[in-house]
C-alpha atoms as a PDB file:
ATOM      1  CA  MET A   1      34.950 -12.434  66.548  1.00  0.00           C
ATOM      2  CA  ILE A   2      36.834 -15.713  66.132  1.00  0.00           C
ATOM      3  CA  ASN A   3      36.430 -18.169  69.257  1.00  0.00           C
ATOM      4  CA  GLU A   4      40.120 -19.235  69.614  1.00  0.00           C
ATOM      5  CA  ASP A   5      38.988 -21.593  72.348  1.00  0.00           C
ATOM      6  CA  ALA A   6      36.494 -23.624  70.316  1.00  0.00           C
ATOM      7  CA  ARG A   7      37.320 -27.292  70.238  1.00  0.00           C
ATOM      8  CA  LEU A   8      38.645 -29.016  67.189  1.00  0.00           C
ATOM      9  CA  PRO A   9      35.063 -30.208  65.373  1.00  0.00           C
ATOM     10  CA  GLN A  10      35.192 -33.782  64.987  1.00  0.00           C
ATOM     11  CA  ASP A  11      33.954 -33.857  61.521  1.00  0.00           C
ATOM     12  CA  ILE A  12      37.078 -32.255  60.527  1.00  0.00           C
ATOM     13  CA  LEU A  13      39.315 -34.352  62.866  1.00  0.00           C
ATOM     14  CA  HIS A  14      37.931 -37.417  60.792  1.00  0.00           C
ATOM     15  CA  SER A  15      38.589 -35.690  57.445  1.00  0.00           C
ATOM     16  CA  LEU A  16      42.013 -34.686  57.630  1.00  0.00           C
ATOM     17  CA  PRO A  17      43.540 -35.355  54.165  1.00  0.00           C
ATOM     18  CA  GLY A  18      47.484 -35.596  54.911  1.00  0.00           C
ATOM     19  CA  SER A  19      50.358 -33.414  54.308  1.00  0.00           C
ATOM     20  CA  ASN A  20      50.634 -34.851  50.943  1.00  0.00           C
ATOM     21  CA  ALA A  21      47.264 -34.419  49.912  1.00  0.00           C
ATOM     22  CA  VAL A  22      47.451 -30.654  50.809  1.00  0.00           C
ATOM     23  CA  MET A  23      50.668 -30.386  48.858  1.00  0.00           C
ATOM     24  CA  LYS A  24      49.354 -31.928  45.796  1.00  0.00           C
ATOM     25  CA  HIS A  25      46.145 -29.732  46.082  1.00  0.00           C
ATOM     26  CA  GLY A  26      46.130 -27.981  42.367  1.00  0.00           C
ATOM     27  CA  VAL A  27      44.116 -25.742  40.429  1.00  0.00           C
ATOM     28  CA  ALA A  28      43.807 -25.435  36.510  1.00  0.00           C
ATOM     29  CA  VAL A  29      45.866 -22.499  35.129  1.00  0.00           C
ATOM     30  CA  ASP A  30      45.696 -20.929  31.754  1.00  0.00           C
ATOM     31  CA  ALA A  31      49.562 -19.742  31.850  1.00  0.00           C
ATOM     32  CA  ALA A  32      49.234 -18.616  28.325  1.00  0.00           C
ATOM     33  CA  ARG A  33      46.564 -16.084  29.395  1.00  0.00           C
ATOM     34  CA  TRP A  34      48.445 -14.757  32.128  1.00  0.00           C
ATOM     35  CA  ARG A  35      51.600 -14.401  30.029  1.00  0.00           C
ATOM     36  CA  ALA A  36      49.395 -12.680  27.164  1.00  0.00           C
ATOM     37  CA  GLU A  37      47.975 -10.171  29.923  1.00  0.00           C
ATOM     38  CA  LEU A  38      51.398  -9.746  31.778  1.00  0.00           C
ATOM     39  CA  ALA A  39      52.846  -8.549  28.119  1.00  0.00           C
ATOM     40  CA  LYS A  40      49.930  -6.046  27.449  1.00  0.00           C
ATOM     41  CA  ARG A  41      50.872  -4.361  30.599  1.00  0.00           C
ATOM     42  CA  ASN A  42      55.046  -4.621  30.344  1.00  0.00           C
ATOM     43  CA  LEU A  43      55.055  -6.626  33.837  1.00  0.00           C
ATOM     44  CA  PRO A  44      57.627  -8.635  34.283  1.00  0.00           C
ATOM     45  CA  GLU A  45      57.605 -12.093  32.666  1.00  0.00           C
ATOM     46  CA  LEU A  46      56.557 -15.133  34.104  1.00  0.00           C
ATOM     47  CA  THR A  47      59.551 -17.785  34.880  1.00  0.00           C
ATOM     48  CA  GLY A  48      59.496 -21.591  35.726  1.00  0.00           C
ATOM     49  CA  MET A  49      56.324 -23.953  34.725  1.00  0.00           C
ATOM     50  CA  LEU A  50      53.781 -20.831  34.055  1.00  0.00           C
ATOM     51  CA  ARG A  51      56.468 -19.988  31.440  1.00  0.00           C
ATOM     52  CA  SER A  52      57.120 -23.063  29.621  1.00  0.00           C
ATOM     53  CA  LEU A  53      53.645 -24.530  29.668  1.00  0.00           C
ATOM     54  CA  ASP A  54      49.831 -23.357  28.360  1.00  0.00           C
ATOM     55  CA  LYS A  55      47.606 -25.255  30.398  1.00  0.00           C
ATOM     56  CA  VAL A  56      49.217 -26.412  34.222  1.00  0.00           C
ATOM     57  CA  SER A  57      47.644 -27.875  37.268  1.00  0.00           C
ATOM     58  CA  LEU A  58      49.399 -25.641  39.813  1.00  0.00           C
ATOM     59  CA  THR A  59      49.943 -27.313  42.965  1.00  0.00           C
ATOM     60  CA  ARG A  60      50.467 -25.831  46.345  1.00  0.00           C
ATOM     61  CA  ARG A  61      53.870 -27.499  46.296  1.00  0.00           C
ATOM     62  CA  ASP A  62      54.762 -25.745  43.340  1.00  0.00           C
ATOM     63  CA  VAL A  63      53.839 -22.256  44.687  1.00  0.00           C
ATOM     64  CA  PHE A  64      55.409 -23.298  47.759  1.00  0.00           C
ATOM     65  CA  GLU A  65      58.483 -23.712  45.833  1.00  0.00           C
ATOM     66  CA  ILE A  66      58.614 -20.033  44.538  1.00  0.00           C
ATOM     67  CA  GLY A  67      58.428 -19.214  48.103  1.00  0.00           C
ATOM     68  CA  ASP A  68      61.630 -21.091  48.736  1.00  0.00           C
ATOM     69  CA  ARG A  69      63.459 -18.810  46.368  1.00  0.00           C
ATOM     70  CA  GLU A  70      65.934 -16.105  47.300  1.00  0.00           C
ATOM     71  CA  ARG A  71      64.130 -13.244  48.520  1.00  0.00           C
ATOM     72  CA  THR A  72      64.448 -10.597  45.885  1.00  0.00           C
ATOM     73  CA  ALA A  73      62.183  -7.895  44.048  1.00  0.00           C
ATOM     74  CA  ASP A  74      62.136  -9.938  41.032  1.00  0.00           C
ATOM     75  CA  ASN A  75      61.172 -13.168  42.846  1.00  0.00           C
ATOM     76  CA  ALA A  76      58.349 -11.415  44.858  1.00  0.00           C
ATOM     77  CA  PHE A  77      56.938 -10.703  41.448  1.00  0.00           C
ATOM     78  CA  GLN A  78      56.918 -14.586  40.825  1.00  0.00           C
ATOM     79  CA  LEU A  79      55.592 -15.523  44.030  1.00  0.00           C
ATOM     80  CA  PHE A  80      52.643 -12.513  43.426  1.00  0.00           C
ATOM     81  CA  TYR A  81      51.771 -14.401  40.209  1.00  0.00           C
ATOM     82  CA  TYR A  82      51.797 -17.873  41.302  1.00  0.00           C
ATOM     83  CA  SER A  83      50.096 -17.345  44.391  1.00  0.00           C
ATOM     84  CA  LEU A  84      47.480 -15.221  42.703  1.00  0.00           C
ATOM     85  CA  SER A  85      46.887 -17.632  39.570  1.00  0.00           C
ATOM     86  CA  TRP A  86      46.762 -20.277  42.258  1.00  0.00           C
ATOM     87  CA  GLY A  87      43.923 -18.738  44.401  1.00  0.00           C
ATOM     88  CA  LEU A  88      41.672 -17.066  41.305  1.00  0.00           C
ATOM     89  CA  GLY A  89      41.799 -20.608  39.581  1.00  0.00           C
ATOM     90  CA  PRO A  90      40.593 -21.233  36.249  1.00  0.00           C
ATOM     91  CA  LYS A  91      38.240 -18.658  35.865  1.00  0.00           C
ATOM     92  CA  VAL A  92      40.388 -15.779  37.061  1.00  0.00           C
ATOM     93  CA  PRO A  93      37.772 -13.198  37.514  1.00  0.00           C
ATOM     94  CA  ARG A  94      38.495  -9.253  36.773  1.00  0.00           C
ATOM     95  CA  LEU A  95      42.007 -10.624  35.760  1.00  0.00           C
ATOM     96  CA  HIS A  96      42.555  -7.581  33.598  1.00  0.00           C
ATOM     97  CA  HIS A  97      41.365  -5.127  36.230  1.00  0.00           C
ATOM     98  CA  ARG A  98      43.604  -6.329  38.481  1.00  0.00           C
ATOM     99  CA  LEU A  99      46.523  -6.476  36.555  1.00  0.00           C
ATOM    100  CA  ASP A 100      45.658  -2.830  35.326  1.00  0.00           C
ATOM    101  CA  ASN A 101      45.863  -1.852  38.962  1.00  0.00           C
ATOM    102  CA  PHE A 102      49.029  -3.824  39.677  1.00  0.00           C
ATOM    103  CA  ALA A 103      50.712  -2.186  37.121  1.00  0.00           C
ATOM    104  CA  SER A 104      49.929   1.100  38.067  1.00  0.00           C
ATOM    105  CA  HIS A 105      51.198   0.377  41.198  1.00  0.00           C
ATOM    106  CA  ARG A 106      54.326  -1.736  40.360  1.00  0.00           C
ATOM    107  CA  ASP A 107      56.633   0.043  42.380  1.00  0.00           C
ATOM    108  CA  GLU A 108      54.922   0.350  45.510  1.00  0.00           C
ATOM    109  CA  ALA A 109      53.519  -3.180  45.255  1.00  0.00           C
ATOM    110  CA  SER A 110      57.083  -4.563  44.733  1.00  0.00           C
ATOM    111  CA  GLU A 111      58.176  -3.174  47.921  1.00  0.00           C
ATOM    112  CA  LEU A 112      55.010  -4.273  50.185  1.00  0.00           C
ATOM    113  CA  LEU A 113      55.301  -7.804  48.345  1.00  0.00           C
ATOM    114  CA  LEU A 114      59.261  -8.047  49.634  1.00  0.00           C
ATOM    115  CA  SER A 115      58.367  -6.607  52.945  1.00  0.00           C
ATOM    116  CA  ALA A 116      55.670  -9.177  53.497  1.00  0.00           C
ATOM    117  CA  TRP A 117      57.725 -11.851  52.195  1.00  0.00           C
ATOM    118  CA  ASN A 118      60.784 -11.291  54.899  1.00  0.00           C
ATOM    119  CA  ALA A 119      57.900 -10.800  57.683  1.00  0.00           C
ATOM    120  CA  ALA A 120      56.284 -14.179  56.607  1.00  0.00           C
ATOM    121  CA  ARG A 121      60.058 -15.960  56.927  1.00  0.00           C
ATOM    122  CA  SER A 122      60.664 -14.149  60.330  1.00  0.00           C
ATOM    123  CA  GLU A 123      59.018 -14.833  63.725  1.00  0.00           C
ATOM    124  CA  GLU A 124      56.461 -11.872  63.386  1.00  0.00           C
ATOM    125  CA  PHE A 125      52.952 -12.219  64.540  1.00  0.00           C
ATOM    126  CA  ALA A 126      50.571 -13.077  61.933  1.00  0.00           C
ATOM    127  CA  LYS A 127      48.668  -9.737  62.490  1.00  0.00           C
ATOM    128  CA  ASP A 128      51.774  -7.697  61.761  1.00  0.00           C
ATOM    129  CA  ALA A 129      52.690  -9.722  58.653  1.00  0.00           C
ATOM    130  CA  PHE A 130      49.073  -9.341  57.400  1.00  0.00           C
ATOM    131  CA  SER A 131      49.282  -5.360  58.246  1.00  0.00           C
ATOM    132  CA  ILE A 132      51.934  -5.043  55.553  1.00  0.00           C
ATOM    133  CA  LEU A 133      49.534  -5.852  52.950  1.00  0.00           C
ATOM    134  CA  THR A 134      45.906  -5.012  54.577  1.00  0.00           C
ATOM    135  CA  THR A 135      45.043  -1.803  56.475  1.00  0.00           C
ATOM    136  CA  GLU A 136      43.349  -1.946  59.829  1.00  0.00           C
ATOM    137  CA  ASP A 137      39.911  -1.469  58.129  1.00  0.00           C
ATOM    138  CA  GLY A 138      40.449  -4.605  56.002  1.00  0.00           C
ATOM    139  CA  ALA A 139      41.376  -3.005  52.660  1.00  0.00           C
ATOM    140  CA  GLY A 140      43.995  -4.168  50.545  1.00  0.00           C
ATOM    141  CA  ARG A 141      47.065  -1.659  50.396  1.00  0.00           C
ATOM    142  CA  ILE A 142      47.731  -2.724  46.557  1.00  0.00           C
ATOM    143  CA  PRO A 143      44.298  -1.837  45.174  1.00  0.00           C
ATOM    144  CA  TRP A 144      42.027  -4.832  43.818  1.00  0.00           C
ATOM    145  CA  PHE A 145      44.068  -7.095  45.762  1.00  0.00           C
ATOM    146  CA  GLY A 146      42.264  -7.479  49.307  1.00  0.00           C
ATOM    147  CA  PRO A 147      42.517  -9.735  52.502  1.00  0.00           C
ATOM    148  CA  ALA A 148      41.779 -13.189  50.559  1.00  0.00           C
ATOM    149  CA  PHE A 149      44.762 -12.528  48.403  1.00  0.00           C
ATOM    150  CA  SER A 150      47.092 -11.351  51.261  1.00  0.00           C
ATOM    151  CA  THR A 151      46.368 -14.562  53.144  1.00  0.00           C
ATOM    152  CA  LYS A 152      47.682 -16.602  50.201  1.00  0.00           C
ATOM    153  CA  PHE A 153      50.725 -14.780  49.464  1.00  0.00           C
ATOM    154  CA  LEU A 154      51.724 -14.897  53.284  1.00  0.00           C
ATOM    155  CA  TYR A 155      51.044 -18.585  53.237  1.00  0.00           C
ATOM    156  CA  PHE A 156      53.039 -19.411  50.162  1.00  0.00           C
ATOM    157  CA  ALA A 157      56.031 -16.823  51.204  1.00  0.00           C
ATOM    158  CA  GLN A 158      56.678 -19.499  54.402  1.00  0.00           C
ATOM    159  CA  GLY A 159      58.296 -22.126  51.607  1.00  0.00           C
ATOM    160  CA  ALA A 160      57.690 -25.747  51.643  1.00  0.00           C
ATOM    161  CA  ALA A 161      60.342 -26.829  54.456  1.00  0.00           C
ATOM    162  CA  ALA A 162      58.316 -24.562  57.146  1.00  0.00           C
ATOM    163  CA  ALA A 163      55.272 -25.929  59.223  1.00  0.00           C
ATOM    164  CA  PRO A 164      52.990 -22.943  58.358  1.00  0.00           C
ATOM    165  CA  LYS A 165      51.571 -20.566  60.682  1.00  0.00           C
ATOM    166  CA  LEU A 166      50.116 -18.211  58.112  1.00  0.00           C
ATOM    167  CA  ILE A 167      47.417 -19.709  56.853  1.00  0.00           C
ATOM    168  CA  SER A 168      45.205 -19.250  53.769  1.00  0.00           C
ATOM    169  CA  LEU A 169      41.440 -17.631  54.516  1.00  0.00           C
ATOM    170  CA  ASP A 170      38.868 -17.517  51.932  1.00  0.00           C
ATOM    171  CA  ARG A 171      34.971 -16.864  52.109  1.00  0.00           C
ATOM    172  CA  ASP A 172      34.416 -20.656  51.818  1.00  0.00           C
ATOM    173  CA  ILE A 173      36.600 -21.098  55.168  1.00  0.00           C
ATOM    174  CA  ALA A 174      34.624 -18.196  56.923  1.00  0.00           C
ATOM    175  CA  VAL A 175      31.257 -19.524  56.104  1.00  0.00           C
ATOM    176  CA  ASN A 176      32.228 -23.193  56.978  1.00  0.00           C
ATOM    177  CA  LEU A 177      33.496 -21.861  60.722  1.00  0.00           C
ATOM    178  CA  ALA A 178      30.504 -20.081  61.402  1.00  0.00           C
ATOM    179  CA  ARG A 179      29.024 -23.128  63.165  1.00  0.00           C
ATOM    180  CA  ASP A 180      31.899 -23.676  65.275  1.00  0.00           C
ATOM    181  CA  ALA A 181      34.100 -20.753  66.066  1.00  0.00           C
ATOM    182  CA  TRP A 182      32.903 -17.607  64.097  1.00  0.00           C
ATOM    183  CA  PRO A 183      29.274 -17.034  64.441  1.00  0.00           C
ATOM    184  CA  ASP A 184      29.775 -13.652  62.906  1.00  0.00           C
ATOM    185  CA  ALA A 185      31.808 -14.278  60.090  1.00  0.00           C
ATOM    186  CA  THR A 186      32.155 -11.921  57.126  1.00  0.00           C
ATOM    187  CA  THR A 187      33.135 -13.369  53.993  1.00  0.00           C
ATOM    188  CA  ASP A 188      35.471 -10.918  52.172  1.00  0.00           C
ATOM    189  CA  VAL A 189      36.897  -8.557  54.402  1.00  0.00           C
ATOM    190  CA  TRP A 190      39.048  -9.426  57.375  1.00  0.00           C
ATOM    191  CA  VAL A 191      41.010  -6.974  59.747  1.00  0.00           C
ATOM    192  CA  PRO A 192      44.680  -8.097  60.804  1.00  0.00           C
ATOM    193  CA  GLU A 193      43.148  -8.941  64.530  1.00  0.00           C
ATOM    194  CA  VAL A 194      40.671 -11.369  62.859  1.00  0.00           C
ATOM    195  CA  TYR A 195      43.417 -12.928  60.598  1.00  0.00           C
ATOM    196  CA  ASP A 196      45.877 -13.237  63.772  1.00  0.00           C
ATOM    197  CA  LYS A 197      42.856 -15.175  65.525  1.00  0.00           C
ATOM    198  CA  TYR A 198      42.169 -17.312  62.543  1.00  0.00           C
ATOM    199  CA  CYS A 199      45.779 -18.350  62.233  1.00  0.00           C
ATOM    200  CA  THR A 200      45.744 -19.105  66.186  1.00  0.00           C
ATOM    201  CA  LEU A 201      42.846 -21.103  65.836  1.00  0.00           C
ATOM    202  CA  MET A 202      44.147 -23.143  62.917  1.00  0.00           C
ATOM    203  CA  THR A 203      47.304 -24.198  64.845  1.00  0.00           C
ATOM    204  CA  GLU A 204      45.653 -24.983  67.900  1.00  0.00           C
ATOM    205  CA  TRP A 205      43.423 -27.304  66.283  1.00  0.00           C
ATOM    206  CA  ALA A 206      46.343 -28.784  64.151  1.00  0.00           C
ATOM    207  CA  ASP A 207      48.009 -29.309  67.719  1.00  0.00           C
ATOM    208  CA  GLU A 208      44.688 -30.674  69.054  1.00  0.00           C
ATOM    209  CA  ALA A 209      44.655 -33.387  66.402  1.00  0.00           C
ATOM    210  CA  SER A 210      48.398 -34.321  66.475  1.00  0.00           C
ATOM    211  CA  GLN A 211      47.714 -35.323  70.099  1.00  0.00           C
ATOM    212  CA  ASP A 212      44.523 -37.411  69.345  1.00  0.00           C
ATOM    213  CA  SER A 213      45.110 -41.135  69.772  1.00  0.00           C
ATOM    214  CA  SER A 214      43.143 -41.697  66.227  1.00  0.00           C
ATOM    215  CA  VAL A 215      45.721 -39.856  64.219  1.00  0.00           C
ATOM    216  CA  ASP A 216      49.204 -40.744  65.956  1.00  0.00           C
ATOM    217  CA  ARG A 217      51.080 -38.057  63.530  1.00  0.00           C
ATOM    218  CA  THR A 218      52.090 -34.469  63.490  1.00  0.00           C
ATOM    219  CA  VAL A 219      49.259 -32.444  61.654  1.00  0.00           C
ATOM    220  CA  ARG A 220      50.052 -29.350  59.945  1.00  0.00           C
ATOM    221  CA  ALA A 221      47.613 -26.262  60.337  1.00  0.00           C
ATOM    222  CA  ASP A 222      46.929 -26.502  56.629  1.00  0.00           C
ATOM    223  CA  GLU A 223      45.386 -29.765  56.770  1.00  0.00           C
ATOM    224  CA  ILE A 224      43.189 -28.137  59.004  1.00  0.00           C
ATOM    225  CA  GLU A 225      42.481 -25.617  56.780  1.00  0.00           C
ATOM    226  CA  LEU A 226      41.874 -27.753  53.732  1.00  0.00           C
ATOM    227  CA  ALA A 227      39.431 -29.978  55.851  1.00  0.00           C
ATOM    228  CA  VAL A 228      37.516 -26.945  56.523  1.00  0.00           C
ATOM    229  CA  THR A 229      37.601 -25.789  52.811  1.00  0.00           C
ATOM    230  CA  ARG A 230      35.856 -28.943  52.028  1.00  0.00           C
ATOM    231  CA  ARG A 231      33.584 -29.318  54.870  1.00  0.00           C
ATOM    232  CA  ALA A 232      30.070 -30.310  53.820  1.00  0.00           C
END
């Protein structure tokens, strides 16, 4: 279990990337491939930059801008596409399997995504928002879209203006937290209670960094997340 009382590691404190670097953090996306795969399954078309460009460097800011849109079922599909393409990166592993399952559960998925988006923009606890997309056993409620995807969708659903409280989690972060705060970390299945503790830890470490005399600014929780991701 995650130790929420663990202190901020010094190596993380001294490697904070800054909020601008977080927003500019991008991945290469083959938008043309995404458009083709969506069309094969008669899924809603992409909008925005993934519609107009073939090869894209998709940044966190780009995805947050989708999260700032009006919360509708149509826009929930776009937030799903953008957060998933950012999370999967250039290799997009098993994309056809993922989209096949998404297409076969389209109506249910639409309701779940919109509910999760609304929860992310409310004052609900991380555990409750996460539970909309993930079962108590750590399985995705949308087949082939497990906890790692859920954390990214919720993270970007908060929009660019909010100080994020729902933070992205993946296997690299789990591994890199093992030495300080999560000795028994699992790398692929996280239950709602664990995600709640993880978000609390990231927020507390951000607060601790903000109060450090060597920093002299407000640190966002996703700065901590990115520093942990890049940890050697």
